[in-house]
mmCIF file of all heavy atoms, coordinates in Angstrom:
data_MODEL
# 
_entry.id   MODEL 
# 
loop_
_atom_site.group_PDB 
_atom_site.id 
_atom_site.type_symbol 
_atom_site.label_atom_id 
_atom_site.label_alt_id 
_atom_site.label_comp_id 
_atom_site.label_asym_id 
_atom_site.label_entity_id 
_atom_site.label_seq_id 
_atom_site.pdbx_PDB_ins_code 
_atom_site.Cartn_x 
_atom_site.Cartn_y 
_atom_site.Cartn_z 
_atom_site.occupancy 
_atom_site.B_iso_or_equiv 
_atom_site.pdbx_formal_charge 
_atom_site.auth_seq_id 
_atom_site.auth_comp_id 
_atom_site.auth_asym_id 
_atom_site.auth_atom_id 
_atom_site.pdbx_PDB_model_num 
ATOM 1   N N   . THR A 1 1  ? 82.809 110.391 86.948 1.00 0.00 ? 1  THR A N   1 
ATOM 2   C CA  . THR A 1 1  ? 82.154 110.805 88.189 1.00 0.00 ? 1  THR A CA  1 
ATOM 3   C C   . THR A 1 1  ? 83.076 110.583 89.381 1.00 0.00 ? 1  THR A C   1 
ATOM 4   O O   . THR A 1 1  ? 83.251 111.468 90.237 1.00 0.00 ? 1  THR A O   1 
ATOM 5   C CB  . THR A 1 1  ? 80.846 110.029 88.393 1.00 0.00 ? 1  THR A CB  1 
ATOM 6   O OG1 . THR A 1 1  ? 79.937 110.349 87.336 1.00 0.00 ? 1  THR A OG1 1 
ATOM 7   C CG2 . THR A 1 1  ? 80.197 110.372 89.730 1.00 0.00 ? 1  THR A CG2 1 
ATOM 8   N N   . VAL A 1 2  ? 83.686 109.404 89.440 1.00 0.00 ? 2  VAL A N   1 
ATOM 9   C CA  . VAL A 1 2  ? 84.557 109.075 90.567 1.00 0.00 ? 2  VAL A CA  1 
ATOM 10  C C   . VAL A 1 2  ? 85.813 109.932 90.557 1.00 0.00 ? 2  VAL A C   1 
ATOM 11  O O   . VAL A 1 2  ? 86.256 110.432 91.595 1.00 0.00 ? 2  VAL A O   1 
ATOM 12  C CB  . VAL A 1 2  ? 84.902 107.578 90.546 1.00 0.00 ? 2  VAL A CB  1 
ATOM 13  C CG1 . VAL A 1 2  ? 85.902 107.237 91.654 1.00 0.00 ? 2  VAL A CG1 1 
ATOM 14  C CG2 . VAL A 1 2  ? 83.637 106.734 90.698 1.00 0.00 ? 2  VAL A CG2 1 
ATOM 15  N N   . LEU A 1 3  ? 86.405 110.125 89.389 1.00 0.00 ? 3  LEU A N   1 
ATOM 16  C CA  . LEU A 1 3  ? 87.593 110.980 89.296 1.00 0.00 ? 3  LEU A CA  1 
ATOM 17  C C   . LEU A 1 3  ? 87.276 112.388 89.780 1.00 0.00 ? 3  LEU A C   1 
ATOM 18  O O   . LEU A 1 3  ? 88.070 113.003 90.510 1.00 0.00 ? 3  LEU A O   1 
ATOM 19  C CB  . LEU A 1 3  ? 88.095 111.023 87.850 1.00 0.00 ? 3  LEU A CB  1 
ATOM 20  C CG  . LEU A 1 3  ? 88.814 109.766 87.358 1.00 0.00 ? 3  LEU A CG  1 
ATOM 21  C CD1 . LEU A 1 3  ? 88.955 109.788 85.846 1.00 0.00 ? 3  LEU A CD1 1 
ATOM 22  C CD2 . LEU A 1 3  ? 90.185 109.636 88.023 1.00 0.00 ? 3  LEU A CD2 1 
ATOM 23  N N   . ALA A 1 4  ? 86.115 112.917 89.393 1.00 0.00 ? 4  ALA A N   1 
ATOM 24  C CA  . ALA A 1 4  ? 85.727 114.259 89.833 1.00 0.00 ? 4  ALA A CA  1 
ATOM 25  C C   . ALA A 1 4  ? 85.553 114.305 91.349 1.00 0.00 ? 4  ALA A C   1 
ATOM 26  O O   . ALA A 1 4  ? 85.968 115.269 92.009 1.00 0.00 ? 4  ALA A O   1 
ATOM 27  C CB  . ALA A 1 4  ? 84.442 114.687 89.131 1.00 0.00 ? 4  ALA A CB  1 
ATOM 28  N N   . LEU A 1 5  ? 84.954 113.263 91.920 1.00 0.00 ? 5  LEU A N   1 
ATOM 29  C CA  . LEU A 1 5  ? 84.777 113.221 93.370 1.00 0.00 ? 5  LEU A CA  1 
ATOM 30  C C   . LEU A 1 5  ? 86.116 113.130 94.101 1.00 0.00 ? 5  LEU A C   1 
ATOM 31  O O   . LEU A 1 5  ? 86.268 113.651 95.210 1.00 0.00 ? 5  LEU A O   1 
ATOM 32  C CB  . LEU A 1 5  ? 83.887 112.035 93.753 1.00 0.00 ? 5  LEU A CB  1 
ATOM 33  C CG  . LEU A 1 5  ? 82.405 112.180 93.419 1.00 0.00 ? 5  LEU A CG  1 
ATOM 34  C CD1 . LEU A 1 5  ? 81.674 110.838 93.591 1.00 0.00 ? 5  LEU A CD1 1 
ATOM 35  C CD2 . LEU A 1 5  ? 81.752 113.242 94.302 1.00 0.00 ? 5  LEU A CD2 1 
ATOM 36  N N   . LEU A 1 6  ? 87.073 112.474 93.470 1.00 0.00 ? 6  LEU A N   1 
ATOM 37  C CA  . LEU A 1 6  ? 88.418 112.371 94.056 1.00 0.00 ? 6  LEU A CA  1 
ATOM 38  C C   . LEU A 1 6  ? 89.224 113.654 93.886 1.00 0.00 ? 6  LEU A C   1 
ATOM 39  O O   . LEU A 1 6  ? 90.301 113.786 94.460 1.00 0.00 ? 6  LEU A O   1 
ATOM 40  C CB  . LEU A 1 6  ? 89.178 111.197 93.436 1.00 0.00 ? 6  LEU A CB  1 
ATOM 41  C CG  . LEU A 1 6  ? 88.659 109.796 93.775 1.00 0.00 ? 6  LEU A CG  1 
ATOM 42  C CD1 . LEU A 1 6  ? 89.375 108.741 92.931 1.00 0.00 ? 6  LEU A CD1 1 
ATOM 43  C CD2 . LEU A 1 6  ? 88.840 109.496 95.257 1.00 0.00 ? 6  LEU A CD2 1 
ATOM 44  N N   . GLY A 1 7  ? 88.717 114.571 93.078 1.00 0.00 ? 7  GLY A N   1 
ATOM 45  C CA  . GLY A 1 7  ? 89.381 115.857 92.909 1.00 0.00 ? 7  GLY A CA  1 
ATOM 46  C C   . GLY A 1 7  ? 90.253 115.965 91.677 1.00 0.00 ? 7  GLY A C   1 
ATOM 47  O O   . GLY A 1 7  ? 91.043 116.915 91.565 1.00 0.00 ? 7  GLY A O   1 
ATOM 48  N N   . ALA A 1 8  ? 90.122 115.019 90.742 1.00 0.00 ? 8  ALA A N   1 
ATOM 49  C CA  . ALA A 1 8  ? 90.949 115.047 89.533 1.00 0.00 ? 8  ALA A CA  1 
ATOM 50  C C   . ALA A 1 8  ? 90.211 115.780 88.417 1.00 0.00 ? 8  ALA A C   1 
ATOM 51  O O   . ALA A 1 8  ? 89.083 115.416 88.081 1.00 0.00 ? 8  ALA A O   1 
ATOM 52  C CB  . ALA A 1 8  ? 91.274 113.635 89.088 1.00 0.00 ? 8  ALA A CB  1 
ATOM 53  N N   . PRO A 1 9  ? 90.818 116.781 87.804 1.00 0.00 ? 9  PRO A N   1 
ATOM 54  C CA  . PRO A 1 9  ? 90.206 117.408 86.628 1.00 0.00 ? 9  PRO A CA  1 
ATOM 55  C C   . PRO A 1 9  ? 90.092 116.373 85.510 1.00 0.00 ? 9  PRO A C   1 
ATOM 56  O O   . PRO A 1 9  ? 91.069 115.697 85.185 1.00 0.00 ? 9  PRO A O   1 
ATOM 57  C CB  . PRO A 1 9  ? 91.193 118.518 86.250 1.00 0.00 ? 9  PRO A CB  1 
ATOM 58  C CG  . PRO A 1 9  ? 92.038 118.733 87.465 1.00 0.00 ? 9  PRO A CG  1 
ATOM 59  C CD  . PRO A 1 9  ? 92.109 117.410 88.158 1.00 0.00 ? 9  PRO A CD  1 
ATOM 60  N N   . CYS A 1 10 ? 88.896 116.229 84.952 1.00 0.00 ? 10 CYS A N   1 
ATOM 61  C CA  . CYS A 1 10 ? 88.711 115.186 83.953 1.00 0.00 ? 10 CYS A CA  1 
ATOM 62  C C   . CYS A 1 10 ? 87.721 115.621 82.886 1.00 0.00 ? 10 CYS A C   1 
ATOM 63  O O   . CYS A 1 10 ? 86.977 116.601 83.055 1.00 0.00 ? 10 CYS A O   1 
ATOM 64  C CB  . CYS A 1 10 ? 88.248 113.878 84.600 1.00 0.00 ? 10 CYS A CB  1 
ATOM 65  S SG  . CYS A 1 10 ? 86.665 113.996 85.454 1.00 0.00 ? 10 CYS A SG  1 
ATOM 66  N N   . ALA A 1 11 ? 87.726 114.872 81.785 1.00 0.00 ? 11 ALA A N   1 
ATOM 67  C CA  . ALA A 1 11 ? 86.844 115.147 80.658 1.00 0.00 ? 11 ALA A CA  1 
ATOM 68  C C   . ALA A 1 11 ? 86.316 113.827 80.127 1.00 0.00 ? 11 ALA A C   1 
ATOM 69  O O   . ALA A 1 11 ? 86.959 112.786 80.247 1.00 0.00 ? 11 ALA A O   1 
ATOM 70  C CB  . ALA A 1 11 ? 87.584 115.908 79.559 1.00 0.00 ? 11 ALA A CB  1 
ATOM 71  N N   . PHE A 1 12 ? 85.135 113.897 79.528 1.00 0.00 ? 12 PHE A N   1 
ATOM 72  C CA  . PHE A 1 12 ? 84.523 112.719 78.925 1.00 0.00 ? 12 PHE A CA  1 
ATOM 73  C C   . PHE A 1 12 ? 84.451 112.894 77.423 1.00 0.00 ? 12 PHE A C   1 
ATOM 74  O O   . PHE A 1 12 ? 84.131 113.980 76.922 1.00 0.00 ? 12 PHE A O   1 
ATOM 75  C CB  . PHE A 1 12 ? 83.113 112.489 79.474 1.00 0.00 ? 12 PHE A CB  1 
ATOM 76  C CG  . PHE A 1 12 ? 82.349 111.420 78.730 1.00 0.00 ? 12 PHE A CG  1 
ATOM 77  C CD1 . PHE A 1 12 ? 82.584 110.091 78.991 1.00 0.00 ? 12 PHE A CD1 1 
ATOM 78  C CD2 . PHE A 1 12 ? 81.417 111.760 77.749 1.00 0.00 ? 12 PHE A CD2 1 
ATOM 79  C CE1 . PHE A 1 12 ? 81.906 109.092 78.296 1.00 0.00 ? 12 PHE A CE1 1 
ATOM 80  C CE2 . PHE A 1 12 ? 80.734 110.783 77.050 1.00 0.00 ? 12 PHE A CE2 1 
ATOM 81  C CZ  . PHE A 1 12 ? 80.974 109.443 77.324 1.00 0.00 ? 12 PHE A CZ  1 
ATOM 82  N N   . MET A 1 13 ? 84.729 111.807 76.689 1.00 0.00 ? 13 MET A N   1 
ATOM 83  C CA  . MET A 1 13 ? 84.554 111.808 75.247 1.00 0.00 ? 13 MET A CA  1 
ATOM 84  C C   . MET A 1 13 ? 83.731 110.593 74.851 1.00 0.00 ? 13 MET A C   1 
ATOM 85  O O   . MET A 1 13 ? 84.098 109.454 75.146 1.00 0.00 ? 13 MET A O   1 
ATOM 86  C CB  . MET A 1 13 ? 85.902 111.781 74.527 1.00 0.00 ? 13 MET A CB  1 
ATOM 87  C CG  . MET A 1 13 ? 85.762 111.913 73.020 1.00 0.00 ? 13 MET A CG  1 
ATOM 88  S SD  . MET A 1 13 ? 87.358 112.079 72.196 1.00 0.00 ? 13 MET A SD  1 
ATOM 89  C CE  . MET A 1 13 ? 86.821 112.539 70.550 1.00 0.00 ? 13 MET A CE  1 
ATOM 90  N N   . GLY A 1 14 ? 82.605 110.843 74.214 1.00 0.00 ? 14 GLY A N   1 
ATOM 91  C CA  . GLY A 1 14 ? 81.716 109.787 73.775 1.00 0.00 ? 14 GLY A CA  1 
ATOM 92  C C   . GLY A 1 14 ? 80.556 110.401 73.029 1.00 0.00 ? 14 GLY A C   1 
ATOM 93  O O   . GLY A 1 14 ? 80.505 111.622 72.829 1.00 0.00 ? 14 GLY A O   1 
ATOM 94  N N   . SER A 1 15 ? 79.611 109.578 72.640 1.00 0.00 ? 15 SER A N   1 
ATOM 95  C CA  . SER A 1 15 ? 78.484 110.051 71.839 1.00 0.00 ? 15 SER A CA  1 
ATOM 96  C C   . SER A 1 15 ? 77.232 110.257 72.681 1.00 0.00 ? 15 SER A C   1 
ATOM 97  O O   . SER A 1 15 ? 76.967 109.509 73.630 1.00 0.00 ? 15 SER A O   1 
ATOM 98  C CB  . SER A 1 15 ? 78.171 109.043 70.724 1.00 0.00 ? 15 SER A CB  1 
ATOM 99  O OG  . SER A 1 15 ? 79.191 109.021 69.760 1.00 0.00 ? 15 SER A OG  1 
ATOM 100 N N   . LEU A 1 16 ? 76.461 111.280 72.294 1.00 0.00 ? 16 LEU A N   1 
ATOM 101 C CA  . LEU A 1 16 ? 75.138 111.535 72.863 1.00 0.00 ? 16 LEU A CA  1 
ATOM 102 C C   . LEU A 1 16 ? 74.205 111.943 71.730 1.00 0.00 ? 16 LEU A C   1 
ATOM 103 O O   . LEU A 1 16 ? 74.644 112.369 70.661 1.00 0.00 ? 16 LEU A O   1 
ATOM 104 C CB  . LEU A 1 16 ? 75.189 112.642 73.922 1.00 0.00 ? 16 LEU A CB  1 
ATOM 105 C CG  . LEU A 1 16 ? 75.558 112.233 75.338 1.00 0.00 ? 16 LEU A CG  1 
ATOM 106 C CD1 . LEU A 1 16 ? 75.655 113.455 76.246 1.00 0.00 ? 16 LEU A CD1 1 
ATOM 107 C CD2 . LEU A 1 16 ? 74.525 111.248 75.907 1.00 0.00 ? 16 LEU A CD2 1 
ATOM 108 N N   . ALA A 1 17 ? 72.914 111.824 71.993 1.00 0.00 ? 17 ALA A N   1 
ATOM 109 C CA  . ALA A 1 17 ? 71.900 112.251 71.037 1.00 0.00 ? 17 ALA A CA  1 
ATOM 110 C C   . ALA A 1 17 ? 70.995 113.272 71.704 1.00 0.00 ? 17 ALA A C   1 
ATOM 111 O O   . ALA A 1 17 ? 70.763 113.222 72.924 1.00 0.00 ? 17 ALA A O   1 
ATOM 112 C CB  . ALA A 1 17 ? 71.077 111.048 70.558 1.00 0.00 ? 17 ALA A CB  1 
ATOM 113 N N   . PRO A 1 18 ? 70.467 114.232 70.937 1.00 0.00 ? 18 PRO A N   1 
ATOM 114 C CA  . PRO A 1 18 ? 69.556 115.226 71.501 1.00 0.00 ? 18 PRO A CA  1 
ATOM 115 C C   . PRO A 1 18 ? 68.300 114.566 72.068 1.00 0.00 ? 18 PRO A C   1 
ATOM 116 O O   . PRO A 1 18 ? 67.871 113.513 71.614 1.00 0.00 ? 18 PRO A O   1 
ATOM 117 C CB  . PRO A 1 18 ? 69.213 116.113 70.300 1.00 0.00 ? 18 PRO A CB  1 
ATOM 118 C CG  . PRO A 1 18 ? 70.287 115.863 69.294 1.00 0.00 ? 18 PRO A CG  1 
ATOM 119 C CD  . PRO A 1 18 ? 70.714 114.448 69.493 1.00 0.00 ? 18 PRO A CD  1 
ATOM 120 N N   . GLY A 1 19 ? 67.720 115.232 73.069 1.00 0.00 ? 19 GLY A N   1 
ATOM 121 C CA  . GLY A 1 19 ? 66.500 114.716 73.679 1.00 0.00 ? 19 GLY A CA  1 
ATOM 122 C C   . GLY A 1 19 ? 66.573 114.817 75.191 1.00 0.00 ? 19 GLY A C   1 
ATOM 123 O O   . GLY A 1 19 ? 67.563 115.282 75.762 1.00 0.00 ? 19 GLY A O   1 
ATOM 124 N N   . HIS A 1 20 ? 65.520 114.365 75.861 1.00 0.00 ? 20 HIS A N   1 
ATOM 125 C CA  . HIS A 1 20 ? 65.455 114.483 77.315 1.00 0.00 ? 20 HIS A CA  1 
ATOM 126 C C   . HIS A 1 20 ? 66.594 113.720 78.000 1.00 0.00 ? 20 HIS A C   1 
ATOM 127 O O   . HIS A 1 20 ? 67.214 114.223 78.944 1.00 0.00 ? 20 HIS A O   1 
ATOM 128 C CB  . HIS A 1 20 ? 64.103 113.966 77.824 1.00 0.00 ? 20 HIS A CB  1 
ATOM 129 C CG  . HIS A 1 20 ? 62.938 114.790 77.374 1.00 0.00 ? 20 HIS A CG  1 
ATOM 130 N ND1 . HIS A 1 20 ? 62.839 116.141 77.637 1.00 0.00 ? 20 HIS A ND1 1 
ATOM 131 C CD2 . HIS A 1 20 ? 61.816 114.466 76.678 1.00 0.00 ? 20 HIS A CD2 1 
ATOM 132 C CE1 . HIS A 1 20 ? 61.710 116.615 77.130 1.00 0.00 ? 20 HIS A CE1 1 
ATOM 133 N NE2 . HIS A 1 20 ? 61.074 115.614 76.530 1.00 0.00 ? 20 HIS A NE2 1 
ATOM 134 N N   . ALA A 1 21 ? 66.877 112.496 77.527 1.00 0.00 ? 21 ALA A N   1 
ATOM 135 C CA  . ALA A 1 21 ? 67.944 111.711 78.161 1.00 0.00 ? 21 ALA A CA  1 
ATOM 136 C C   . ALA A 1 21 ? 69.297 112.379 77.967 1.00 0.00 ? 21 ALA A C   1 
ATOM 137 O O   . ALA A 1 21 ? 70.101 112.477 78.903 1.00 0.00 ? 21 ALA A O   1 
ATOM 138 C CB  . ALA A 1 21 ? 67.960 110.295 77.588 1.00 0.00 ? 21 ALA A CB  1 
ATOM 139 N N   . GLY A 1 22 ? 69.574 112.846 76.744 1.00 0.00 ? 22 GLY A N   1 
ATOM 140 C CA  . GLY A 1 22 ? 70.842 113.521 76.486 1.00 0.00 ? 22 GLY A CA  1 
ATOM 141 C C   . GLY A 1 22 ? 71.000 114.787 77.301 1.00 0.00 ? 22 GLY A C   1 
ATOM 142 O O   . GLY A 1 22 ? 72.092 115.076 77.819 1.00 0.00 ? 22 GLY A O   1 
ATOM 143 N N   . ASP A 1 23 ? 69.921 115.554 77.422 1.00 0.00 ? 23 ASP A N   1 
ATOM 144 C CA  . ASP A 1 23 ? 69.974 116.784 78.220 1.00 0.00 ? 23 ASP A CA  1 
ATOM 145 C C   . ASP A 1 23 ? 70.240 116.469 79.690 1.00 0.00 ? 23 ASP A C   1 
ATOM 146 O O   . ASP A 1 23 ? 71.021 117.155 80.362 1.00 0.00 ? 23 ASP A O   1 
ATOM 147 C CB  . ASP A 1 23 ? 68.662 117.556 78.080 1.00 0.00 ? 23 ASP A CB  1 
ATOM 148 C CG  . ASP A 1 23 ? 68.469 118.136 76.690 1.00 0.00 ? 23 ASP A CG  1 
ATOM 149 O OD1 . ASP A 1 23 ? 69.467 118.251 75.955 1.00 0.00 ? 23 ASP A OD1 1 
ATOM 150 O OD2 . ASP A 1 23 ? 67.320 118.460 76.335 1.00 0.00 ? 23 ASP A OD2 1 
ATOM 151 N N   . PHE A 1 24 ? 69.582 115.429 80.203 1.00 0.00 ? 24 PHE A N   1 
ATOM 152 C CA  . PHE A 1 24 ? 69.777 115.022 81.598 1.00 0.00 ? 24 PHE A CA  1 
ATOM 153 C C   . PHE A 1 24 ? 71.229 114.622 81.841 1.00 0.00 ? 24 PHE A C   1 
ATOM 154 O O   . PHE A 1 24 ? 71.847 115.033 82.834 1.00 0.00 ? 24 PHE A O   1 
ATOM 155 C CB  . PHE A 1 24 ? 68.845 113.850 81.926 1.00 0.00 ? 24 PHE A CB  1 
ATOM 156 C CG  . PHE A 1 24 ? 69.130 113.193 83.253 1.00 0.00 ? 24 PHE A CG  1 
ATOM 157 C CD1 . PHE A 1 24 ? 68.628 113.727 84.431 1.00 0.00 ? 24 PHE A CD1 1 
ATOM 158 C CD2 . PHE A 1 24 ? 69.906 112.040 83.318 1.00 0.00 ? 24 PHE A CD2 1 
ATOM 159 C CE1 . PHE A 1 24 ? 68.901 113.114 85.654 1.00 0.00 ? 24 PHE A CE1 1 
ATOM 160 C CE2 . PHE A 1 24 ? 70.180 111.427 84.528 1.00 0.00 ? 24 PHE A CE2 1 
ATOM 161 C CZ  . PHE A 1 24 ? 69.681 111.977 85.705 1.00 0.00 ? 24 PHE A CZ  1 
ATOM 162 N N   . ILE A 1 25 ? 71.794 113.848 80.923 1.00 0.00 ? 25 ILE A N   1 
ATOM 163 C CA  . ILE A 1 25 ? 73.166 113.376 81.064 1.00 0.00 ? 25 ILE A CA  1 
ATOM 164 C C   . ILE A 1 25 ? 74.156 114.533 81.000 1.00 0.00 ? 25 ILE A C   1 
ATOM 165 O O   . ILE A 1 25 ? 75.075 114.635 81.823 1.00 0.00 ? 25 ILE A O   1 
ATOM 166 C CB  . ILE A 1 25 ? 73.470 112.319 79.988 1.00 0.00 ? 25 ILE A CB  1 
ATOM 167 C CG1 . ILE A 1 25 ? 72.733 111.024 80.305 1.00 0.00 ? 25 ILE A CG1 1 
ATOM 168 C CG2 . ILE A 1 25 ? 74.964 112.075 79.861 1.00 0.00 ? 25 ILE A CG2 1 
ATOM 169 C CD1 . ILE A 1 25 ? 72.750 110.001 79.182 1.00 0.00 ? 25 ILE A CD1 1 
ATOM 170 N N   . ALA A 1 26 ? 73.965 115.422 80.020 1.00 0.00 ? 26 ALA A N   1 
ATOM 171 C CA  . ALA A 1 26 ? 74.885 116.555 79.872 1.00 0.00 ? 26 ALA A CA  1 
ATOM 172 C C   . ALA A 1 26 ? 74.849 117.451 81.106 1.00 0.00 ? 26 ALA A C   1 
ATOM 173 O O   . ALA A 1 26 ? 75.891 117.926 81.581 1.00 0.00 ? 26 ALA A O   1 
ATOM 174 C CB  . ALA A 1 26 ? 74.528 117.350 78.622 1.00 0.00 ? 26 ALA A CB  1 
# 
């Protein structure tokens, strides 16, 4: 989040699970 606000192109790698919380995060 901070890197994006600073203007740096970035990517996240980690695990998520389907559902309301996962959809909100994605």
